[in-house]
Amino acid sequence: MVDPEEQAGQDRARKERKSILLRLDPAVHEALAKWAADDLRSLNAHIELLLRDALRKSGRDVKAAPIRRPGRPKA
């Protein structure tokens, strides 16, 4: 049987966002940033959206938390 505190720690670790360093050509960065701004998304959220779409299209869909809708959060 799993200790409830240990299980809570494992669940929390799974929910944490992962950070990566991504090196991009400046022109690619600029184009992505403009595209993200056009869709009212942060560059990070837009890159994640593109990666999720690519995973889904290649048959490698993952069970991940949904991405927040574009735009400002409601007050």
PDB file of N, CA and C in Angstrom:
ATOM      1  N   MET A   1       0.845  -1.184   0.000  1.00  0.00           N
ATOM      2  CA  MET A   1       0.000   0.000   0.000  1.00  0.00           C
ATOM      3  C   MET A   1       0.888   1.244   0.000  1.00  0.00           C
ATOM      4  N   VAL A   2       0.489   2.261  -0.755  1.00  0.00           N
ATOM      5  CA  VAL A   2       1.285   3.479  -0.896  1.00  0.00           C
ATOM      6  C   VAL A   2       0.898   4.476   0.191  1.00  0.00           C
ATOM      7  N   ASP A   3       1.909   5.066   0.805  1.00  0.00           N
ATOM      8  CA  ASP A   3       1.692   6.099   1.819  1.00  0.00           C
ATOM      9  C   ASP A   3       1.009   7.300   1.169  1.00  0.00           C
ATOM     10  N   PRO A   4      -0.100   7.821   1.752  1.00  0.00           N
ATOM     11  CA  PRO A   4      -0.813   8.965   1.148  1.00  0.00           C
ATOM     12  C   PRO A   4       0.071  10.185   0.933  1.00  0.00           C
ATOM     13  N   GLU A   5       0.990  10.446   1.853  1.00  0.00           N
ATOM     14  CA  GLU A   5       1.889  11.602   1.689  1.00  0.00           C
ATOM     15  C   GLU A   5       2.836  11.381   0.517  1.00  0.00           C
ATOM     16  N   GLU A   6       3.315  10.157   0.373  1.00  0.00           N
ATOM     17  CA  GLU A   6       4.213   9.840  -0.740  1.00  0.00           C
ATOM     18  C   GLU A   6       3.462   9.963  -2.068  1.00  0.00           C
ATOM     19  N   GLN A   7       2.220   9.486  -2.101  1.00  0.00           N
ATOM     20  CA  GLN A   7       1.400   9.583  -3.310  1.00  0.00           C
ATOM     21  C   GLN A   7       1.157  11.046  -3.673  1.00  0.00           C
ATOM     22  N   ALA A   8       0.877  11.890  -2.667  1.00  0.00           N
ATOM     23  CA  ALA A   8       0.650  13.318  -2.912  1.00  0.00           C
ATOM     24  C   ALA A   8       1.905  13.958  -3.497  1.00  0.00           C
ATOM     25  N   GLY A   9       3.071  13.579  -2.994  1.00  0.00           N
ATOM     26  CA  GLY A   9       4.329  14.111  -3.521  1.00  0.00           C
ATOM     27  C   GLY A   9       4.566  13.699  -4.961  1.00  0.00           C
ATOM     28  N   GLN A  10       4.224  12.449  -5.292  1.00  0.00           N
ATOM     29  CA  GLN A  10       4.374  11.971  -6.665  1.00  0.00           C
ATOM     30  C   GLN A  10       3.413  12.693  -7.598  1.00  0.00           C
ATOM     31  N   ASP A  11       2.173  12.904  -7.154  1.00  0.00           N
ATOM     32  CA  ASP A  11       1.186  13.624  -7.972  1.00  0.00           C
ATOM     33  C   ASP A  11       1.637  15.049  -8.224  1.00  0.00           C
ATOM     34  N   ARG A  12       2.170  15.705  -7.188  1.00  0.00           N
ATOM     35  CA  ARG A  12       2.629  17.087  -7.313  1.00  0.00           C
ATOM     36  C   ARG A  12       3.798  17.158  -8.296  1.00  0.00           C
ATOM     37  N   ALA A  13       4.701  16.202  -8.235  1.00  0.00           N
ATOM     38  CA  ALA A  13       5.864  16.191  -9.133  1.00  0.00           C
ATOM     39  C   ALA A  13       5.418  16.026 -10.583  1.00  0.00           C
ATOM     40  N   ARG A  14       4.366  15.236 -10.833  1.00  0.00           N
ATOM     41  CA  ARG A  14       3.869  15.043 -12.189  1.00  0.00           C
ATOM     42  C   ARG A  14       3.230  16.307 -12.740  1.00  0.00           C
ATOM     43  N   LYS A  15       2.663  17.142 -11.863  1.00  0.00           N
ATOM     44  CA  LYS A  15       1.936  18.327 -12.302  1.00  0.00           C
ATOM     45  C   LYS A  15       2.836  19.538 -12.532  1.00  0.00           C
ATOM     46  N   GLU A  16       4.068  19.492 -12.036  1.00  0.00           N
ATOM     47  CA  GLU A  16       4.970  20.628 -12.214  1.00  0.00           C
ATOM     48  C   GLU A  16       5.325  20.789 -13.681  1.00  0.00           C
ATOM     49  N   ARG A  17       5.419  22.032 -14.116  1.00  0.00           N
ATOM     50  CA  ARG A  17       5.800  22.324 -15.494  1.00  0.00           C
ATOM     51  C   ARG A  17       7.300  22.100 -15.642  1.00  0.00           C
ATOM     52  N   LYS A  18       7.709  21.566 -16.752  1.00  0.00           N
ATOM     53  CA  LYS A  18       9.123  21.326 -17.029  1.00  0.00           C
ATOM     54  C   LYS A  18       9.697  22.512 -17.798  1.00  0.00           C
ATOM     55  N   SER A  19      10.908  22.883 -17.471  1.00  0.00           N
ATOM     56  CA  SER A  19      11.600  23.972 -18.155  1.00  0.00           C
ATOM     57  C   SER A  19      12.672  23.388 -19.059  1.00  0.00           C
ATOM     58  N   ILE A  20      12.788  23.964 -20.259  1.00  0.00           N
ATOM     59  CA  ILE A  20      13.863  23.559 -21.171  1.00  0.00           C
ATOM     60  C   ILE A  20      14.472  24.811 -21.788  1.00  0.00           C
ATOM     61  N   LEU A  21      15.701  24.672 -22.206  1.00  0.00           N
ATOM     62  CA  LEU A  21      16.364  25.740 -22.943  1.00  0.00           C
ATOM     63  C   LEU A  21      16.192  25.433 -24.419  1.00  0.00           C
ATOM     64  N   LEU A  22      15.694  26.382 -25.170  1.00  0.00           N
ATOM     65  CA  LEU A  22      15.453  26.184 -26.596  1.00  0.00           C
ATOM     66  C   LEU A  22      16.202  27.257 -27.370  1.00  0.00           C
ATOM     67  N   ARG A  23      17.100  26.838 -28.219  1.00  0.00           N
ATOM     68  CA  ARG A  23      17.853  27.788 -29.044  1.00  0.00           C
ATOM     69  C   ARG A  23      17.189  27.866 -30.406  1.00  0.00           C
ATOM     70  N   LEU A  24      16.854  29.077 -30.821  1.00  0.00           N
ATOM     71  CA  LEU A  24      16.189  29.295 -32.101  1.00  0.00           C
ATOM     72  C   LEU A  24      16.940  30.328 -32.920  1.00  0.00           C
ATOM     73  N   ASP A  25      16.870  30.179 -34.217  1.00  0.00           N
ATOM     74  CA  ASP A  25      17.359  31.220 -35.113  1.00  0.00           C
ATOM     75  C   ASP A  25      16.531  32.471 -34.829  1.00  0.00           C
ATOM     76  N   PRO A  26      17.143  33.649 -34.809  1.00  0.00           N
ATOM     77  CA  PRO A  26      16.391  34.875 -34.517  1.00  0.00           C
ATOM     78  C   PRO A  26      15.180  35.097 -35.428  1.00  0.00           C
ATOM     79  N   ALA A  27      15.278  34.734 -36.698  1.00  0.00           N
ATOM     80  CA  ALA A  27      14.152  34.915 -37.614  1.00  0.00           C
ATOM     81  C   ALA A  27      12.994  33.982 -37.247  1.00  0.00           C
ATOM     82  N   VAL A  28      13.318  32.751 -36.829  1.00  0.00           N
ATOM     83  CA  VAL A  28      12.283  31.806 -36.400  1.00  0.00           C
ATOM     84  C   VAL A  28      11.625  32.315 -35.129  1.00  0.00           C
ATOM     85  N   HIS A  29      12.434  32.805 -34.196  1.00  0.00           N
ATOM     86  CA  HIS A  29      11.895  33.353 -32.948  1.00  0.00           C
ATOM     87  C   HIS A  29      10.947  34.517 -33.238  1.00  0.00           C
ATOM     88  N   GLU A  30      11.362  35.408 -34.107  1.00  0.00           N
ATOM     89  CA  GLU A  30      10.540  36.575 -34.432  1.00  0.00           C
ATOM     90  C   GLU A  30       9.216  36.160 -35.082  1.00  0.00           C
ATOM     91  N   ALA A  31       9.274  35.199 -35.995  1.00  0.00           N
ATOM     92  CA  ALA A  31       8.049  34.730 -36.661  1.00  0.00           C
ATOM     93  C   ALA A  31       7.110  34.047 -35.671  1.00  0.00           C
ATOM     94  N   LEU A  32       7.667  33.218 -34.789  1.00  0.00           N
ATOM     95  CA  LEU A  32       6.837  32.557 -33.774  1.00  0.00           C
ATOM     96  C   LEU A  32       6.232  33.566 -32.805  1.00  0.00           C
ATOM     97  N   ALA A  33       7.018  34.551 -32.393  1.00  0.00           N
ATOM     98  CA  ALA A  33       6.524  35.566 -31.463  1.00  0.00           C
ATOM     99  C   ALA A  33       5.378  36.362 -32.084  1.00  0.00           C
ATOM    100  N   LYS A  34       5.502  36.699 -33.363  1.00  0.00           N
ATOM    101  CA  LYS A  34       4.426  37.426 -34.046  1.00  0.00           C
ATOM    102  C   LYS A  34       3.173  36.566 -34.148  1.00  0.00           C
ATOM    103  N   TRP A  35       3.340  35.297 -34.514  1.00  0.00           N
ATOM    104  CA  TRP A  35       2.217  34.372 -34.618  1.00  0.00           C
ATOM    105  C   TRP A  35       1.527  34.228 -33.263  1.00  0.00           C
ATOM    106  N   ALA A  36       2.307  34.077 -32.198  1.00  0.00           N
ATOM    107  CA  ALA A  36       1.741  33.952 -30.852  1.00  0.00           C
ATOM    108  C   ALA A  36       0.965  35.217 -30.478  1.00  0.00           C
ATOM    109  N   ALA A  37       1.523  36.374 -30.774  1.00  0.00           N
ATOM    110  CA  ALA A  37       0.848  37.640 -30.458  1.00  0.00           C
ATOM    111  C   ALA A  37      -0.458  37.771 -31.246  1.00  0.00           C
ATOM    112  N   ASP A  38      -0.446  37.341 -32.495  1.00  0.00           N
ATOM    113  CA  ASP A  38      -1.667  37.384 -33.308  1.00  0.00           C
ATOM    114  C   ASP A  38      -2.781  36.532 -32.696  1.00  0.00           C
ATOM    115  N   ASP A  39      -2.401  35.436 -32.031  1.00  0.00           N
ATOM    116  CA  ASP A  39      -3.366  34.527 -31.397  1.00  0.00           C
ATOM    117  C   ASP A  39      -3.575  34.842 -29.917  1.00  0.00           C
ATOM    118  N   LEU A  40      -3.011  35.973 -29.456  1.00  0.00           N
ATOM    119  CA  LEU A  40      -3.118  36.392 -28.044  1.00  0.00           C
ATOM    120  C   LEU A  40      -2.590  35.324 -27.091  1.00  0.00           C
ATOM    121  N   ARG A  41      -1.469  34.713 -27.457  1.00  0.00           N
ATOM    122  CA  ARG A  41      -0.822  33.713 -26.608  1.00  0.00           C
ATOM    123  C   ARG A  41       0.593  34.177 -26.291  1.00  0.00           C
ATOM    124  N   SER A  42       1.121  33.631 -25.208  1.00  0.00           N
ATOM    125  CA  SER A  42       2.540  33.852 -24.936  1.00  0.00           C
ATOM    126  C   SER A  42       3.320  32.977 -25.919  1.00  0.00           C
ATOM    127  N   LEU A  43       4.557  33.319 -26.137  1.00  0.00           N
ATOM    128  CA  LEU A  43       5.393  32.524 -27.033  1.00  0.00           C
ATOM    129  C   LEU A  43       5.518  31.099 -26.493  1.00  0.00           C
ATOM    130  N   ASN A  44       5.685  30.958 -25.188  1.00  0.00           N
ATOM    131  CA  ASN A  44       5.815  29.646 -24.579  1.00  0.00           C
ATOM    132  C   ASN A  44       4.557  28.802 -24.813  1.00  0.00           C
ATOM    133  N   ALA A  45       3.385  29.393 -24.576  1.00  0.00           N
ATOM    134  CA  ALA A  45       2.129  28.663 -24.768  1.00  0.00           C
ATOM    135  C   ALA A  45       1.945  28.288 -26.238  1.00  0.00           C
ATOM    136  N   HIS A  46       2.354  29.157 -27.124  1.00  0.00           N
ATOM    137  CA  HIS A  46       2.196  28.883 -28.554  1.00  0.00           C
ATOM    138  C   HIS A  46       3.106  27.735 -28.992  1.00  0.00           C
ATOM    139  N   ILE A  47       4.329  27.727 -28.515  1.00  0.00           N
ATOM    140  CA  ILE A  47       5.248  26.634 -28.848  1.00  0.00           C
ATOM    141  C   ILE A  47       4.691  25.320 -28.307  1.00  0.00           C
ATOM    142  N   GLU A  48       4.155  25.337 -27.080  1.00  0.00           N
ATOM    143  CA  GLU A  48       3.583  24.112 -26.519  1.00  0.00           C
ATOM    144  C   GLU A  48       2.390  23.646 -27.359  1.00  0.00           C
ATOM    145  N   LEU A  49       1.556  24.565 -27.793  1.00  0.00           N
ATOM    146  CA  LEU A  49       0.411  24.226 -28.643  1.00  0.00           C
ATOM    147  C   LEU A  49       0.888  23.560 -29.942  1.00  0.00           C
ATOM    148  N   LEU A  50       1.903  24.130 -30.568  1.00  0.00           N
ATOM    149  CA  LEU A  50       2.438  23.565 -31.812  1.00  0.00           C
ATOM    150  C   LEU A  50       3.021  22.171 -31.586  1.00  0.00           C
ATOM    151  N   LEU A  51       3.725  21.993 -30.466  1.00  0.00           N
ATOM    152  CA  LEU A  51       4.301  20.685 -30.162  1.00  0.00           C
ATOM    153  C   LEU A  51       3.215  19.650 -29.888  1.00  0.00           C
ATOM    154  N   ARG A  52       2.171  20.036 -29.157  1.00  0.00           N
ATOM    155  CA  ARG A  52       1.066  19.103 -28.892  1.00  0.00           C
ATOM    156  C   ARG A  52       0.370  18.715 -30.196  1.00  0.00           C
ATOM    157  N   ASP A  53       0.144  19.688 -31.083  1.00  0.00           N
ATOM    158  CA  ASP A  53      -0.471  19.388 -32.382  1.00  0.00           C
ATOM    159  C   ASP A  53       0.396  18.409 -33.175  1.00  0.00           C
ATOM    160  N   ALA A  54       1.700  18.628 -33.170  1.00  0.00           N
ATOM    161  CA  ALA A  54       2.609  17.738 -33.898  1.00  0.00           C
ATOM    162  C   ALA A  54       2.580  16.325 -33.297  1.00  0.00           C
ATOM    163  N   LEU A  55       2.540  16.221 -31.969  1.00  0.00           N
ATOM    164  CA  LEU A  55       2.454  14.907 -31.323  1.00  0.00           C
ATOM    165  C   LEU A  55       1.159  14.196 -31.704  1.00  0.00           C
ATOM    166  N   ARG A  56       0.048  14.933 -31.671  1.00  0.00           N
ATOM    167  CA  ARG A  56      -1.249  14.349 -32.002  1.00  0.00           C
ATOM    168  C   ARG A  56      -1.263  13.857 -33.456  1.00  0.00           C
ATOM    169  N   LYS A  57      -0.766  14.687 -34.371  1.00  0.00           N
ATOM    170  CA  LYS A  57      -0.771  14.335 -35.792  1.00  0.00           C
ATOM    171  C   LYS A  57       0.124  13.135 -36.099  1.00  0.00           C
ATOM    172  N   SER A  58       1.166  12.930 -35.285  1.00  0.00           N
ATOM    173  CA  SER A  58       2.074  11.809 -35.524  1.00  0.00           C
ATOM    174  C   SER A  58       1.641  10.538 -34.792  1.00  0.00           C
ATOM    175  N   GLY A  59       0.479  10.603 -34.122  1.00  0.00           N
ATOM    176  CA  GLY A  59      -0.004   9.435 -33.393  1.00  0.00           C
ATOM    177  C   GLY A  59       0.642   9.252 -32.044  1.00  0.00           C
ATOM    178  N   ARG A  60       1.272  10.284 -31.533  1.00  0.00           N
ATOM    179  CA  ARG A  60       1.953  10.222 -30.239  1.00  0.00           C
ATOM    180  C   ARG A  60       1.265  11.126 -29.209  1.00  0.00           C
ATOM    181  N   ASP A  61      -0.052  11.195 -29.281  1.00  0.00           N
ATOM    182  CA  ASP A  61      -0.827  12.056 -28.389  1.00  0.00           C
ATOM    183  C   ASP A  61      -0.545  11.694 -26.934  1.00  0.00           C
ATOM    184  N   VAL A  62      -0.490  12.688 -26.082  1.00  0.00           N
ATOM    185  CA  VAL A  62      -0.200  12.480 -24.663  1.00  0.00           C
ATOM    186  C   VAL A  62      -1.368  12.970 -23.818  1.00  0.00           C
ATOM    187  N   LYS A  63      -1.494  12.370 -22.641  1.00  0.00           N
ATOM    188  CA  LYS A  63      -2.488  12.827 -21.674  1.00  0.00           C
ATOM    189  C   LYS A  63      -1.835  13.948 -20.884  1.00  0.00           C
ATOM    190  N   ALA A  64      -2.212  15.168 -21.185  1.00  0.00           N
ATOM    191  CA  ALA A  64      -1.628  16.333 -20.520  1.00  0.00           C
ATOM    192  C   ALA A  64      -2.744  17.277 -20.121  1.00  0.00           C
ATOM    193  N   ALA A  65      -2.460  18.103 -19.136  1.00  0.00           N
ATOM    194  CA  ALA A  65      -3.445  19.095 -18.712  1.00  0.00           C
ATOM    195  C   ALA A  65      -3.752  20.017 -19.885  1.00  0.00           C
ATOM    196  N   PRO A  66      -4.996  20.471 -19.991  1.00  0.00           N
ATOM    197  CA  PRO A  66      -5.338  21.357 -21.107  1.00  0.00           C
ATOM    198  C   PRO A  66      -4.590  22.681 -21.028  1.00  0.00           C
ATOM    199  N   ILE A  67      -4.366  23.257 -22.186  1.00  0.00           N
ATOM    200  CA  ILE A  67      -3.729  24.573 -22.260  1.00  0.00           C
ATOM    201  C   ILE A  67      -4.807  25.616 -22.002  1.00  0.00           C
ATOM    202  N   ARG A  68      -4.447  26.624 -21.233  1.00  0.00           N
ATOM    203  CA  ARG A  68      -5.387  27.712 -20.936  1.00  0.00           C
ATOM    204  C   ARG A  68      -5.781  28.402 -22.228  1.00  0.00           C
ATOM    205  N   ARG A  69      -7.023  28.860 -22.297  1.00  0.00           N
ATOM    206  CA  ARG A  69      -7.505  29.548 -23.489  1.00  0.00           C
ATOM    207  C   ARG A  69      -6.699  30.817 -23.729  1.00  0.00           C
ATOM    208  N   PRO A  70      -6.566  31.260 -25.002  1.00  0.00           N
ATOM    209  CA  PRO A  70      -5.801  32.478 -25.286  1.00  0.00           C
ATOM    210  C   PRO A  70      -6.486  33.716 -24.726  1.00  0.00           C
ATOM    211  N   GLY A  71      -5.691  34.742 -24.524  1.00  0.00           N
ATOM    212  CA  GLY A  71      -6.215  36.015 -24.021  1.00  0.00           C
ATOM    213  C   GLY A  71      -5.991  36.167 -22.535  1.00  0.00           C
ATOM    214  N   ARG A  72      -6.460  37.270 -22.025  1.00  0.00           N
ATOM    215  CA  ARG A  72      -6.285  37.555 -20.606  1.00  0.00           C
ATOM    216  C   ARG A  72      -7.250  36.734 -19.767  1.00  0.00           C
ATOM    217  N   PRO A  73      -6.794  36.284 -18.585  1.00  0.00           N
ATOM    218  CA  PRO A  73      -7.704  35.553 -17.703  1.00  0.00           C
ATOM    219  C   PRO A  73      -8.825  36.470 -17.225  1.00  0.00           C
ATOM    220  N   LYS A  74      -9.984  35.887 -16.975  1.00  0.00           N
ATOM    221  CA  LYS A  74     -11.103  36.689 -16.463  1.00  0.00           C
ATOM    222  C   LYS A  74     -10.815  37.104 -15.037  1.00  0.00           C
ATOM    223  N   ALA A  75     -11.189  38.341 -14.707  1.00  0.00           N
ATOM    224  CA  ALA A  75     -10.902  38.880 -13.359  1.00  0.00           C
ATOM    225  C   ALA A  75     -11.763  38.293 -12.300  1.00  0.00           C
TER     226      ALA A  75
END
